[in-house]
């Protein structure tokens, strides 16, 4: 059986992402965080993966989402993820980016690393002295969280300037999204949406949607394709699921942090069992089957290359 595989190059992946955004369906995008998760996502048939700021933080520094990871580290991890598979990779919002000139540098680095798209962050980071942190705000109950202010938002003129700078800096079709905090002030979010659209943003990444009316209001205000996160996906499930999302302009739905957090728990459980004296044989049920390991590692492909080029 032929095992040769051809990976899409970065340009092809960006073109495919653009086609998805211009299409008439909603694509579900898991969060991927390293080469293995990227390979598994592709193996399962996903077309797009998302690189979320907290995952970059955890994978690179082991720290919470406090803006400690650097642009260089984000670009390096992006390169590893993109090199491993052909799924499109969206960097949801690089926290380590400063002003518009820093944004231009970020576009250069992430585009050369193979990213398919970049979301322009609306939050001002690093954390401002005396400000409540994003993490502590997210710990509040859902009914309170709707009206909580997170890290101070960048002024509209500044974040729109970053979008313009990003568009000017790209060289190979990197898709540029504007990120929008929709709730609690939907009217202010719509103002930002219109400003992003006028600046040339090619899509909108919507955060903090807890009411279906909020999504519908944003869709009514723009023709741009929308990306949503987990909270909005929960809202959509109550109102018709994928058909509802498509009808309201959503073309990509991010699936949240389950893969990384599940992997964290699996590693913890395995190490704890070993610390408690369990043997590898006793822990066999926790281990990936040999066939799965081989498939995700592309072992047959590498064996073919060895036969072809080393003998």
C-alpha atoms as a PDB file:
ATOM      1  CA  UNK A   1       0.000   0.000   0.000  1.00  0.00           C
ATOM      2  CA  UNK A   2       1.318   3.443  -0.900  1.00  0.00           C
ATOM      3  CA  UNK A   3       2.149   5.487   2.175  1.00  0.00           C
ATOM      4  CA  UNK A   4       3.440   8.646   0.504  1.00  0.00           C
ATOM      5  CA  UNK A   5       1.660  11.711   1.756  1.00  0.00           C
ATOM      6  CA  UNK A   6       1.837  15.281   0.594  1.00  0.00           C
ATOM      7  CA  UNK A   7       1.426  18.053   3.102  1.00  0.00           C
ATOM      8  CA  UNK A   8      -0.224  21.285   2.024  1.00  0.00           C
ATOM      9  CA  UNK A   9       2.165  24.205   2.059  1.00  0.00           C
ATOM     10  CA  UNK A  10       1.323  27.351   4.030  1.00  0.00           C
ATOM     11  CA  UNK A  11      -0.130  29.160   1.022  1.00  0.00           C
ATOM     12  CA  UNK A  12      -2.451  26.264   0.214  1.00  0.00           C
ATOM     13  CA  UNK A  13      -3.646  26.080   3.805  1.00  0.00           C
ATOM     14  CA  UNK A  14      -4.434  29.802   3.806  1.00  0.00           C
ATOM     15  CA  UNK A  15      -6.321  29.438   0.543  1.00  0.00           C
ATOM     16  CA  UNK A  16      -8.340  26.562   1.988  1.00  0.00           C
ATOM     17  CA  UNK A  17      -9.160  28.622   5.070  1.00  0.00           C
ATOM     18  CA  UNK A  18     -10.338  31.493   2.883  1.00  0.00           C
ATOM     19  CA  UNK A  19     -12.564  29.079   0.964  1.00  0.00           C
ATOM     20  CA  UNK A  20     -14.060  27.842   4.235  1.00  0.00           C
ATOM     21  CA  UNK A  21     -14.756  31.405   5.350  1.00  0.00           C
ATOM     22  CA  UNK A  22     -16.450  32.153   2.030  1.00  0.00           C
ATOM     23  CA  UNK A  23     -18.466  28.922   2.113  1.00  0.00           C
ATOM     24  CA  UNK A  24     -21.874  27.998   3.453  1.00  0.00           C
ATOM     25  CA  UNK A  25     -21.023  25.689   6.346  1.00  0.00           C
ATOM     26  CA  UNK A  26     -19.652  25.964   9.871  1.00  0.00           C
ATOM     27  CA  UNK A  27     -16.350  24.188  10.502  1.00  0.00           C
ATOM     28  CA  UNK A  28     -15.539  23.009  14.014  1.00  0.00           C
ATOM     29  CA  UNK A  29     -11.970  23.761  15.071  1.00  0.00           C
ATOM     30  CA  UNK A  30     -10.298  22.058  18.048  1.00  0.00           C
ATOM     31  CA  UNK A  31      -7.539  23.723  19.998  1.00  0.00           C
ATOM     32  CA  UNK A  32      -4.196  22.160  19.101  1.00  0.00           C
ATOM     33  CA  UNK A  33      -1.039  22.926  21.014  1.00  0.00           C
ATOM     34  CA  UNK A  34       1.840  20.757  19.769  1.00  0.00           C
ATOM     35  CA  UNK A  35       2.775  18.493  16.820  1.00  0.00           C
ATOM     36  CA  UNK A  36       0.983  15.451  18.267  1.00  0.00           C
ATOM     37  CA  UNK A  37      -2.340  17.233  18.821  1.00  0.00           C
ATOM     38  CA  UNK A  38      -2.029  18.753  15.336  1.00  0.00           C
ATOM     39  CA  UNK A  39      -1.513  15.295  13.810  1.00  0.00           C
ATOM     40  CA  UNK A  40      -4.388  13.772  15.772  1.00  0.00           C
ATOM     41  CA  UNK A  41      -6.740  16.573  14.712  1.00  0.00           C
ATOM     42  CA  UNK A  42      -5.880  15.980  11.064  1.00  0.00           C
ATOM     43  CA  UNK A  43      -6.204  12.208  11.476  1.00  0.00           C
ATOM     44  CA  UNK A  44      -9.747  12.725  12.793  1.00  0.00           C
ATOM     45  CA  UNK A  45     -10.718  14.872   9.818  1.00  0.00           C
ATOM     46  CA  UNK A  46     -10.528  18.375  11.267  1.00  0.00           C
ATOM     47  CA  UNK A  47      -9.588  21.032   8.710  1.00  0.00           C
ATOM     48  CA  UNK A  48      -8.646  23.851  11.067  1.00  0.00           C
ATOM     49  CA  UNK A  49      -7.008  24.071  14.477  1.00  0.00           C
ATOM     50  CA  UNK A  50      -6.789  26.946  16.928  1.00  0.00           C
ATOM     51  CA  UNK A  51      -3.793  28.121  18.922  1.00  0.00           C
ATOM     52  CA  UNK A  52      -5.198  29.723  22.067  1.00  0.00           C
ATOM     53  CA  UNK A  53      -3.165  32.066  24.293  1.00  0.00           C
ATOM     54  CA  UNK A  54      -3.513  29.966  27.481  1.00  0.00           C
ATOM     55  CA  UNK A  55      -2.273  26.898  25.633  1.00  0.00           C
ATOM     56  CA  UNK A  56       0.829  28.709  24.379  1.00  0.00           C
ATOM     57  CA  UNK A  57       1.458  29.853  27.958  1.00  0.00           C
ATOM     58  CA  UNK A  58       1.100  26.379  29.461  1.00  0.00           C
ATOM     59  CA  UNK A  59       3.024  24.504  26.777  1.00  0.00           C
ATOM     60  CA  UNK A  60       5.951  26.930  26.633  1.00  0.00           C
ATOM     61  CA  UNK A  61       6.295  28.340  30.151  1.00  0.00           C
ATOM     62  CA  UNK A  62       4.027  26.213  32.338  1.00  0.00           C
ATOM     63  CA  UNK A  63       2.453  29.465  33.537  1.00  0.00           C
ATOM     64  CA  UNK A  64      -1.162  30.669  33.557  1.00  0.00           C
ATOM     65  CA  UNK A  65      -2.462  33.082  30.941  1.00  0.00           C
ATOM     66  CA  UNK A  66      -0.742  36.206  32.230  1.00  0.00           C
ATOM     67  CA  UNK A  67       1.080  37.280  29.074  1.00  0.00           C
ATOM     68  CA  UNK A  68       4.490  35.822  29.940  1.00  0.00           C
ATOM     69  CA  UNK A  69       5.096  33.901  26.706  1.00  0.00           C
ATOM     70  CA  UNK A  70       7.095  35.839  24.109  1.00  0.00           C
ATOM     71  CA  UNK A  71       6.378  36.362  20.423  1.00  0.00           C
ATOM     72  CA  UNK A  72       9.446  34.289  19.543  1.00  0.00           C
ATOM     73  CA  UNK A  73       8.134  31.387  21.621  1.00  0.00           C
ATOM     74  CA  UNK A  74       4.667  31.649  20.063  1.00  0.00           C
ATOM     75  CA  UNK A  75       6.203  31.619  16.581  1.00  0.00           C
ATOM     76  CA  UNK A  76       8.417  28.630  17.419  1.00  0.00           C
ATOM     77  CA  UNK A  77       5.477  26.608  18.730  1.00  0.00           C
ATOM     78  CA  UNK A  78       3.399  27.639  15.720  1.00  0.00           C
ATOM     79  CA  UNK A  79       6.138  26.393  13.405  1.00  0.00           C
ATOM     80  CA  UNK A  80       6.225  23.009  15.156  1.00  0.00           C
ATOM     81  CA  UNK A  81       2.438  22.669  14.916  1.00  0.00           C
ATOM     82  CA  UNK A  82       2.253  23.705  11.259  1.00  0.00           C
ATOM     83  CA  UNK A  83       5.174  21.511  10.238  1.00  0.00           C
ATOM     84  CA  UNK A  84       3.444  18.419  11.630  1.00  0.00           C
ATOM     85  CA  UNK A  85       0.236  18.424   9.567  1.00  0.00           C
ATOM     86  CA  UNK A  86      -1.802  20.133   6.858  1.00  0.00           C
ATOM     87  CA  UNK A  87      -4.577  21.582   8.994  1.00  0.00           C
ATOM     88  CA  UNK A  88      -5.015  25.332   8.886  1.00  0.00           C
ATOM     89  CA  UNK A  89      -3.743  26.930  12.091  1.00  0.00           C
ATOM     90  CA  UNK A  90      -5.303  30.061  13.571  1.00  0.00           C
ATOM     91  CA  UNK A  91      -3.340  31.955  16.211  1.00  0.00           C
ATOM     92  CA  UNK A  92      -6.325  33.207  18.175  1.00  0.00           C
ATOM     93  CA  UNK A  93      -4.664  36.192  19.820  1.00  0.00           C
ATOM     94  CA  UNK A  94      -0.989  36.573  20.602  1.00  0.00           C
ATOM     95  CA  UNK A  95      -0.819  38.115  24.076  1.00  0.00           C
ATOM     96  CA  UNK A  96       2.807  39.185  23.856  1.00  0.00           C
ATOM     97  CA  UNK A  97       2.201  41.739  21.111  1.00  0.00           C
ATOM     98  CA  UNK A  98       2.516  45.451  21.892  1.00  0.00           C
ATOM     99  CA  UNK A  99       1.812  48.357  19.549  1.00  0.00           C
ATOM    100  CA  UNK A 100       1.156  48.433  15.800  1.00  0.00           C
ATOM    101  CA  UNK A 101       4.858  48.122  14.945  1.00  0.00           C
ATOM    102  CA  UNK A 102       5.112  45.064  17.192  1.00  0.00           C
ATOM    103  CA  UNK A 103       2.056  43.727  15.371  1.00  0.00           C
ATOM    104  CA  UNK A 104       3.837  44.059  12.032  1.00  0.00           C
ATOM    105  CA  UNK A 105       6.754  42.063  13.415  1.00  0.00           C
ATOM    106  CA  UNK A 106       4.324  39.466  14.763  1.00  0.00           C
ATOM    107  CA  UNK A 107       2.745  39.047  11.337  1.00  0.00           C
ATOM    108  CA  UNK A 108       6.162  38.515   9.759  1.00  0.00           C
ATOM    109  CA  UNK A 109       7.120  35.879  12.323  1.00  0.00           C
ATOM    110  CA  UNK A 110       3.809  34.000  12.402  1.00  0.00           C
ATOM    111  CA  UNK A 111       3.384  34.061   8.637  1.00  0.00           C
ATOM    112  CA  UNK A 112       6.851  32.597   8.116  1.00  0.00           C
ATOM    113  CA  UNK A 113       6.066  29.991  10.801  1.00  0.00           C
ATOM    114  CA  UNK A 114       3.127  28.751   8.721  1.00  0.00           C
ATOM    115  CA  UNK A 115       0.096  30.203  10.517  1.00  0.00           C
ATOM    116  CA  UNK A 116      -3.031  30.507   8.392  1.00  0.00           C
ATOM    117  CA  UNK A 117      -4.644  33.335  10.349  1.00  0.00           C
ATOM    118  CA  UNK A 118      -4.066  35.725  13.224  1.00  0.00           C
ATOM    119  CA  UNK A 119      -6.587  37.316  15.556  1.00  0.00           C
ATOM    120  CA  UNK A 120      -5.764  40.875  16.625  1.00  0.00           C
ATOM    121  CA  UNK A 121      -6.152  41.047  20.399  1.00  0.00           C
ATOM    122  CA  UNK A 122      -8.364  43.708  21.971  1.00  0.00           C
ATOM    123  CA  UNK A 123      -6.982  43.361  25.491  1.00  0.00           C
ATOM    124  CA  UNK A 124      -4.085  45.351  26.852  1.00  0.00           C
ATOM    125  CA  UNK A 125      -1.395  43.047  28.173  1.00  0.00           C
ATOM    126  CA  UNK A 126       0.805  42.530  30.139  1.00  0.00           C
ATOM    127  CA  UNK A 127      -1.532  42.820  33.103  1.00  0.00           C
ATOM    128  CA  UNK A 128      -2.014  46.408  34.230  1.00  0.00           C
ATOM    129  CA  UNK A 129      -1.025  47.134  37.829  1.00  0.00           C
ATOM    130  CA  UNK A 130      -4.072  47.167  40.075  1.00  0.00           C
ATOM    131  CA  UNK A 131      -6.375  45.601  37.475  1.00  0.00           C
ATOM    132  CA  UNK A 132      -8.375  42.393  38.030  1.00  0.00           C
ATOM    133  CA  UNK A 133      -6.856  39.606  35.959  1.00  0.00           C
ATOM    134  CA  UNK A 134      -8.576  37.811  33.134  1.00  0.00           C
ATOM    135  CA  UNK A 135      -8.211  34.543  35.007  1.00  0.00           C
ATOM    136  CA  UNK A 136      -9.853  35.742  38.219  1.00  0.00           C
ATOM    137  CA  UNK A 137     -12.733  37.245  36.242  1.00  0.00           C
ATOM    138  CA  UNK A 138     -13.301  33.929  34.484  1.00  0.00           C
ATOM    139  CA  UNK A 139     -13.716  32.192  37.845  1.00  0.00           C
ATOM    140  CA  UNK A 140     -16.905  34.108  38.546  1.00  0.00           C
ATOM    141  CA  UNK A 141     -20.264  32.352  38.124  1.00  0.00           C
ATOM    142  CA  UNK A 142     -21.699  32.456  34.626  1.00  0.00           C
ATOM    143  CA  UNK A 143     -24.601  34.717  35.566  1.00  0.00           C
ATOM    144  CA  UNK A 144     -22.148  37.270  37.015  1.00  0.00           C
ATOM    145  CA  UNK A 145     -19.482  36.822  34.363  1.00  0.00           C
ATOM    146  CA  UNK A 146     -21.711  38.385  31.712  1.00  0.00           C
ATOM    147  CA  UNK A 147     -21.192  41.814  33.238  1.00  0.00           C
ATOM    148  CA  UNK A 148     -17.583  41.556  34.384  1.00  0.00           C
ATOM    149  CA  UNK A 149     -14.878  43.792  32.945  1.00  0.00           C
ATOM    150  CA  UNK A 150     -11.738  41.850  31.996  1.00  0.00           C
ATOM    151  CA  UNK A 151      -8.326  43.328  31.347  1.00  0.00           C
ATOM    152  CA  UNK A 152      -8.638  46.904  30.062  1.00  0.00           C
ATOM    153  CA  UNK A 153      -9.469  46.970  26.369  1.00  0.00           C
ATOM    154  CA  UNK A 154      -7.168  48.739  23.947  1.00  0.00           C
ATOM    155  CA  UNK A 155      -8.686  51.962  22.604  1.00  0.00           C
ATOM    156  CA  UNK A 156     -10.643  51.367  19.401  1.00  0.00           C
ATOM    157  CA  UNK A 157      -8.347  53.604  17.361  1.00  0.00           C
ATOM    158  CA  UNK A 158      -5.308  51.663  18.537  1.00  0.00           C
ATOM    159  CA  UNK A 159      -6.665  48.176  17.876  1.00  0.00           C
ATOM    160  CA  UNK A 160      -7.984  49.241  14.454  1.00  0.00           C
ATOM    161  CA  UNK A 161      -4.528  50.625  13.726  1.00  0.00           C
ATOM    162  CA  UNK A 162      -3.079  47.221  14.568  1.00  0.00           C
ATOM    163  CA  UNK A 163      -5.401  45.597  12.030  1.00  0.00           C
ATOM    164  CA  UNK A 164      -4.244  48.024   9.348  1.00  0.00           C
ATOM    165  CA  UNK A 165      -0.608  47.425  10.280  1.00  0.00           C
ATOM    166  CA  UNK A 166      -1.090  43.649  10.162  1.00  0.00           C
ATOM    167  CA  UNK A 167      -2.654  43.840   6.709  1.00  0.00           C
ATOM    168  CA  UNK A 168       0.233  45.990   5.493  1.00  0.00           C
ATOM    169  CA  UNK A 169       2.877  43.636   6.896  1.00  0.00           C
ATOM    170  CA  UNK A 170       1.680  40.307   5.509  1.00  0.00           C
ATOM    171  CA  UNK A 171       3.248  38.897   2.350  1.00  0.00           C
ATOM    172  CA  UNK A 172       1.552  35.568   1.685  1.00  0.00           C
ATOM    173  CA  UNK A 173      -2.143  35.825   2.397  1.00  0.00           C
ATOM    174  CA  UNK A 174      -2.232  35.441   6.176  1.00  0.00           C
ATOM    175  CA  UNK A 175      -5.888  35.946   7.155  1.00  0.00           C
ATOM    176  CA  UNK A 176      -6.403  38.790   9.627  1.00  0.00           C
ATOM    177  CA  UNK A 177      -9.250  38.668  12.153  1.00  0.00           C
ATOM    178  CA  UNK A 178     -10.332  41.384  14.542  1.00  0.00           C
ATOM    179  CA  UNK A 179     -11.166  40.087  18.019  1.00  0.00           C
ATOM    180  CA  UNK A 180     -14.265  41.498  19.691  1.00  0.00           C
ATOM    181  CA  UNK A 181     -15.537  41.237  23.257  1.00  0.00           C
ATOM    182  CA  UNK A 182     -19.272  41.190  22.581  1.00  0.00           C
ATOM    183  CA  UNK A 183     -20.768  41.299  26.064  1.00  0.00           C
ATOM    184  CA  UNK A 184     -21.682  43.094  28.223  1.00  0.00           C
ATOM    185  CA  UNK A 185     -21.759  46.136  25.872  1.00  0.00           C
ATOM    186  CA  UNK A 186     -23.089  44.846  22.544  1.00  0.00           C
ATOM    187  CA  UNK A 187     -23.542  48.338  21.096  1.00  0.00           C
ATOM    188  CA  UNK A 188     -19.873  49.140  21.714  1.00  0.00           C
ATOM    189  CA  UNK A 189     -18.926  45.788  20.188  1.00  0.00           C
ATOM    190  CA  UNK A 190     -20.880  46.682  17.045  1.00  0.00           C
ATOM    191  CA  UNK A 191     -18.972  49.975  16.800  1.00  0.00           C
ATOM    192  CA  UNK A 192     -15.712  48.016  16.890  1.00  0.00           C
ATOM    193  CA  UNK A 193     -17.035  45.503  14.351  1.00  0.00           C
ATOM    194  CA  UNK A 194     -17.829  48.279  11.894  1.00  0.00           C
ATOM    195  CA  UNK A 195     -14.428  49.873  12.456  1.00  0.00           C
ATOM    196  CA  UNK A 196     -12.677  46.542  11.863  1.00  0.00           C
ATOM    197  CA  UNK A 197     -14.654  45.999   8.674  1.00  0.00           C
ATOM    198  CA  UNK A 198     -13.787  49.460   7.377  1.00  0.00           C
ATOM    199  CA  UNK A 199     -10.112  48.868   8.199  1.00  0.00           C
ATOM    200  CA  UNK A 200     -10.057  45.721   6.048  1.00  0.00           C
ATOM    201  CA  UNK A 201     -10.296  42.901   8.590  1.00  0.00           C
ATOM    202  CA  UNK A 202     -11.270  39.652   6.878  1.00  0.00           C
ATOM    203  CA  UNK A 203     -13.206  38.096   9.718  1.00  0.00           C
ATOM    204  CA  UNK A 204     -14.251  38.610  13.323  1.00  0.00           C
ATOM    205  CA  UNK A 205     -13.373  36.476  16.324  1.00  0.00           C
ATOM    206  CA  UNK A 206     -16.178  36.922  18.833  1.00  0.00           C
ATOM    207  CA  UNK A 207     -15.578  36.452  22.536  1.00  0.00           C
ATOM    208  CA  UNK A 208     -17.900  36.717  25.512  1.00  0.00           C
ATOM    209  CA  UNK A 209     -21.211  35.758  23.908  1.00  0.00           C
ATOM    210  CA  UNK A 210     -23.712  34.397  26.406  1.00  0.00           C
ATOM    211  CA  UNK A 211     -26.986  35.387  24.716  1.00  0.00           C
ATOM    212  CA  UNK A 212     -28.190  34.370  21.269  1.00  0.00           C
ATOM    213  CA  UNK A 213     -29.463  37.921  20.719  1.00  0.00           C
ATOM    214  CA  UNK A 214     -25.872  39.155  20.927  1.00  0.00           C
ATOM    215  CA  UNK A 215     -24.690  36.888  18.120  1.00  0.00           C
ATOM    216  CA  UNK A 216     -27.659  37.859  15.981  1.00  0.00           C
ATOM    217  CA  UNK A 217     -26.971  41.561  16.561  1.00  0.00           C
ATOM    218  CA  UNK A 218     -23.341  41.211  15.465  1.00  0.00           C
ATOM    219  CA  UNK A 219     -24.318  39.243  12.371  1.00  0.00           C
ATOM    220  CA  UNK A 220     -26.870  41.903  11.426  1.00  0.00           C
ATOM    221  CA  UNK A 221     -24.167  44.571  11.678  1.00  0.00           C
ATOM    222  CA  UNK A 222     -21.562  42.991   9.378  1.00  0.00           C
ATOM    223  CA  UNK A 223     -21.030  40.847   6.311  1.00  0.00           C
ATOM    224  CA  UNK A 224     -17.741  39.470   7.608  1.00  0.00           C
ATOM    225  CA  UNK A 225     -17.443  35.761   8.479  1.00  0.00           C
ATOM    226  CA  UNK A 226     -17.504  35.048  12.194  1.00  0.00           C
ATOM    227  CA  UNK A 227     -15.511  32.791  14.493  1.00  0.00           C
ATOM    228  CA  UNK A 228     -16.943  31.931  17.896  1.00  0.00           C
ATOM    229  CA  UNK A 229     -15.647  30.294  21.038  1.00  0.00           C
ATOM    230  CA  UNK A 230     -17.089  27.811  23.478  1.00  0.00           C
ATOM    231  CA  UNK A 231     -19.634  30.024  25.228  1.00  0.00           C
ATOM    232  CA  UNK A 232     -21.310  30.980  21.946  1.00  0.00           C
ATOM    233  CA  UNK A 233     -21.315  27.350  20.820  1.00  0.00           C
ATOM    234  CA  UNK A 234     -23.277  26.474  23.956  1.00  0.00           C
ATOM    235  CA  UNK A 235     -25.786  29.217  23.141  1.00  0.00           C
ATOM    236  CA  UNK A 236     -26.102  27.966  19.560  1.00  0.00           C
ATOM    237  CA  UNK A 237     -26.770  24.410  20.704  1.00  0.00           C
ATOM    238  CA  UNK A 238     -29.922  25.671  22.396  1.00  0.00           C
ATOM    239  CA  UNK A 239     -31.138  27.367  19.195  1.00  0.00           C
ATOM    240  CA  UNK A 240     -30.645  24.837  16.429  1.00  0.00           C
ATOM    241  CA  UNK A 241     -26.938  24.056  16.484  1.00  0.00           C
ATOM    242  CA  UNK A 242     -24.953  24.212  13.263  1.00  0.00           C
ATOM    243  CA  UNK A 243     -27.811  25.470  11.093  1.00  0.00           C
ATOM    244  CA  UNK A 244     -28.315  28.355  13.499  1.00  0.00           C
ATOM    245  CA  UNK A 245     -24.611  29.209  13.380  1.00  0.00           C
ATOM    246  CA  UNK A 246     -24.455  29.154   9.581  1.00  0.00           C
ATOM    247  CA  UNK A 247     -27.557  31.342   9.335  1.00  0.00           C
ATOM    248  CA  UNK A 248     -25.877  33.868  11.618  1.00  0.00           C
ATOM    249  CA  UNK A 249     -22.613  34.128   9.728  1.00  0.00           C
ATOM    250  CA  UNK A 250     -20.497  31.735  11.794  1.00  0.00           C
ATOM    251  CA  UNK A 251     -18.004  29.815   9.673  1.00  0.00           C
ATOM    252  CA  UNK A 252     -15.651  28.498  12.364  1.00  0.00           C
ATOM    253  CA  UNK A 253     -16.569  27.371  15.875  1.00  0.00           C
ATOM    254  CA  UNK A 254     -13.650  26.873  18.244  1.00  0.00           C
ATOM    255  CA  UNK A 255     -14.179  23.853  20.488  1.00  0.00           C
ATOM    256  CA  UNK A 256     -12.409  25.024  23.620  1.00  0.00           C
ATOM    257  CA  UNK A 257      -9.551  23.739  25.747  1.00  0.00           C
ATOM    258  CA  UNK A 258     -10.698  20.168  26.353  1.00  0.00           C
ATOM    259  CA  UNK A 259      -7.776  18.432  24.532  1.00  0.00           C
ATOM    260  CA  UNK A 260      -4.989  20.096  26.516  1.00  0.00           C
ATOM    261  CA  UNK A 261      -6.774  19.838  29.852  1.00  0.00           C
ATOM    262  CA  UNK A 262      -7.669  16.197  29.162  1.00  0.00           C
ATOM    263  CA  UNK A 263      -4.025  15.513  28.282  1.00  0.00           C
ATOM    264  CA  UNK A 264      -2.924  17.218  31.490  1.00  0.00           C
ATOM    265  CA  UNK A 265      -5.216  14.988  33.544  1.00  0.00           C
ATOM    266  CA  UNK A 266      -4.080  11.860  31.678  1.00  0.00           C
ATOM    267  CA  UNK A 267      -0.415  12.656  32.355  1.00  0.00           C
ATOM    268  CA  UNK A 268      -1.156  13.406  36.000  1.00  0.00           C
ATOM    269  CA  UNK A 269      -3.113  10.170  36.458  1.00  0.00           C
ATOM    270  CA  UNK A 270      -0.410   8.091  34.758  1.00  0.00           C
ATOM    271  CA  UNK A 271       2.427   9.615  36.778  1.00  0.00           C
ATOM    272  CA  UNK A 272       0.469   9.293  40.016  1.00  0.00           C
ATOM    273  CA  UNK A 273      -0.193   5.631  39.287  1.00  0.00           C
ATOM    274  CA  UNK A 274       3.530   5.086  38.661  1.00  0.00           C
ATOM    275  CA  UNK A 275       4.374   6.976  41.842  1.00  0.00           C
ATOM    276  CA  UNK A 276       1.967   4.647  43.659  1.00  0.00           C
ATOM    277  CA  UNK A 277       3.899   1.640  42.380  1.00  0.00           C
ATOM    278  CA  UNK A 278       1.867   0.549  39.374  1.00  0.00           C
ATOM    279  CA  UNK A 279       3.822  -1.207  36.618  1.00  0.00           C
ATOM    280  CA  UNK A 280       3.598  -0.572  32.884  1.00  0.00           C
ATOM    281  CA  UNK A 281       1.708  -3.843  32.468  1.00  0.00           C
ATOM    282  CA  UNK A 282      -0.823  -2.817  35.098  1.00  0.00           C
ATOM    283  CA  UNK A 283      -1.311   0.538  33.354  1.00  0.00           C
ATOM    284  CA  UNK A 284      -1.738  -0.902  29.856  1.00  0.00           C
ATOM    285  CA  UNK A 285      -5.328   0.346  29.621  1.00  0.00           C
ATOM    286  CA  UNK A 286      -4.088   3.949  29.891  1.00  0.00           C
ATOM    287  CA  UNK A 287      -1.601   3.669  27.038  1.00  0.00           C
ATOM    288  CA  UNK A 288      -2.239   4.551  23.400  1.00  0.00           C
ATOM    289  CA  UNK A 289      -2.444   1.376  21.275  1.00  0.00           C
ATOM    290  CA  UNK A 290       0.675   0.666  19.227  1.00  0.00           C
ATOM    291  CA  UNK A 291      -1.316   1.121  16.001  1.00  0.00           C
ATOM    292  CA  UNK A 292      -2.421   4.609  17.043  1.00  0.00           C
ATOM    293  CA  UNK A 293       1.088   5.638  18.046  1.00  0.00           C
ATOM    294  CA  UNK A 294       2.425   4.387  14.711  1.00  0.00           C
ATOM    295  CA  UNK A 295      -0.269   6.149  12.685  1.00  0.00           C
ATOM    296  CA  UNK A 296       0.068   9.511  14.421  1.00  0.00           C
ATOM    297  CA  UNK A 297       3.874   9.358  14.170  1.00  0.00           C
ATOM    298  CA  UNK A 298       3.595   8.613  10.411  1.00  0.00           C
ATOM    299  CA  UNK A 299       5.793   5.590  11.009  1.00  0.00           C
ATOM    300  CA  UNK A 300       4.915   3.921   7.695  1.00  0.00           C
ATOM    301  CA  UNK A 301       5.864   7.097   5.834  1.00  0.00           C
ATOM    302  CA  UNK A 302       9.216   7.316   7.586  1.00  0.00           C
ATOM    303  CA  UNK A 303       9.864   3.619   6.954  1.00  0.00           C
ATOM    304  CA  UNK A 304       9.198   4.212   3.266  1.00  0.00           C
ATOM    305  CA  UNK A 305      11.624   7.132   3.204  1.00  0.00           C
ATOM    306  CA  UNK A 306      14.270   5.003   4.916  1.00  0.00           C
ATOM    307  CA  UNK A 307      13.917   2.296   2.247  1.00  0.00           C
ATOM    308  CA  UNK A 308      13.924   4.860  -0.529  1.00  0.00           C
ATOM    309  CA  UNK A 309      16.736   7.140   0.581  1.00  0.00           C
ATOM    310  CA  UNK A 310      18.944   5.187   3.016  1.00  0.00           C
ATOM    311  CA  UNK A 311      19.444   1.978   1.013  1.00  0.00           C
END
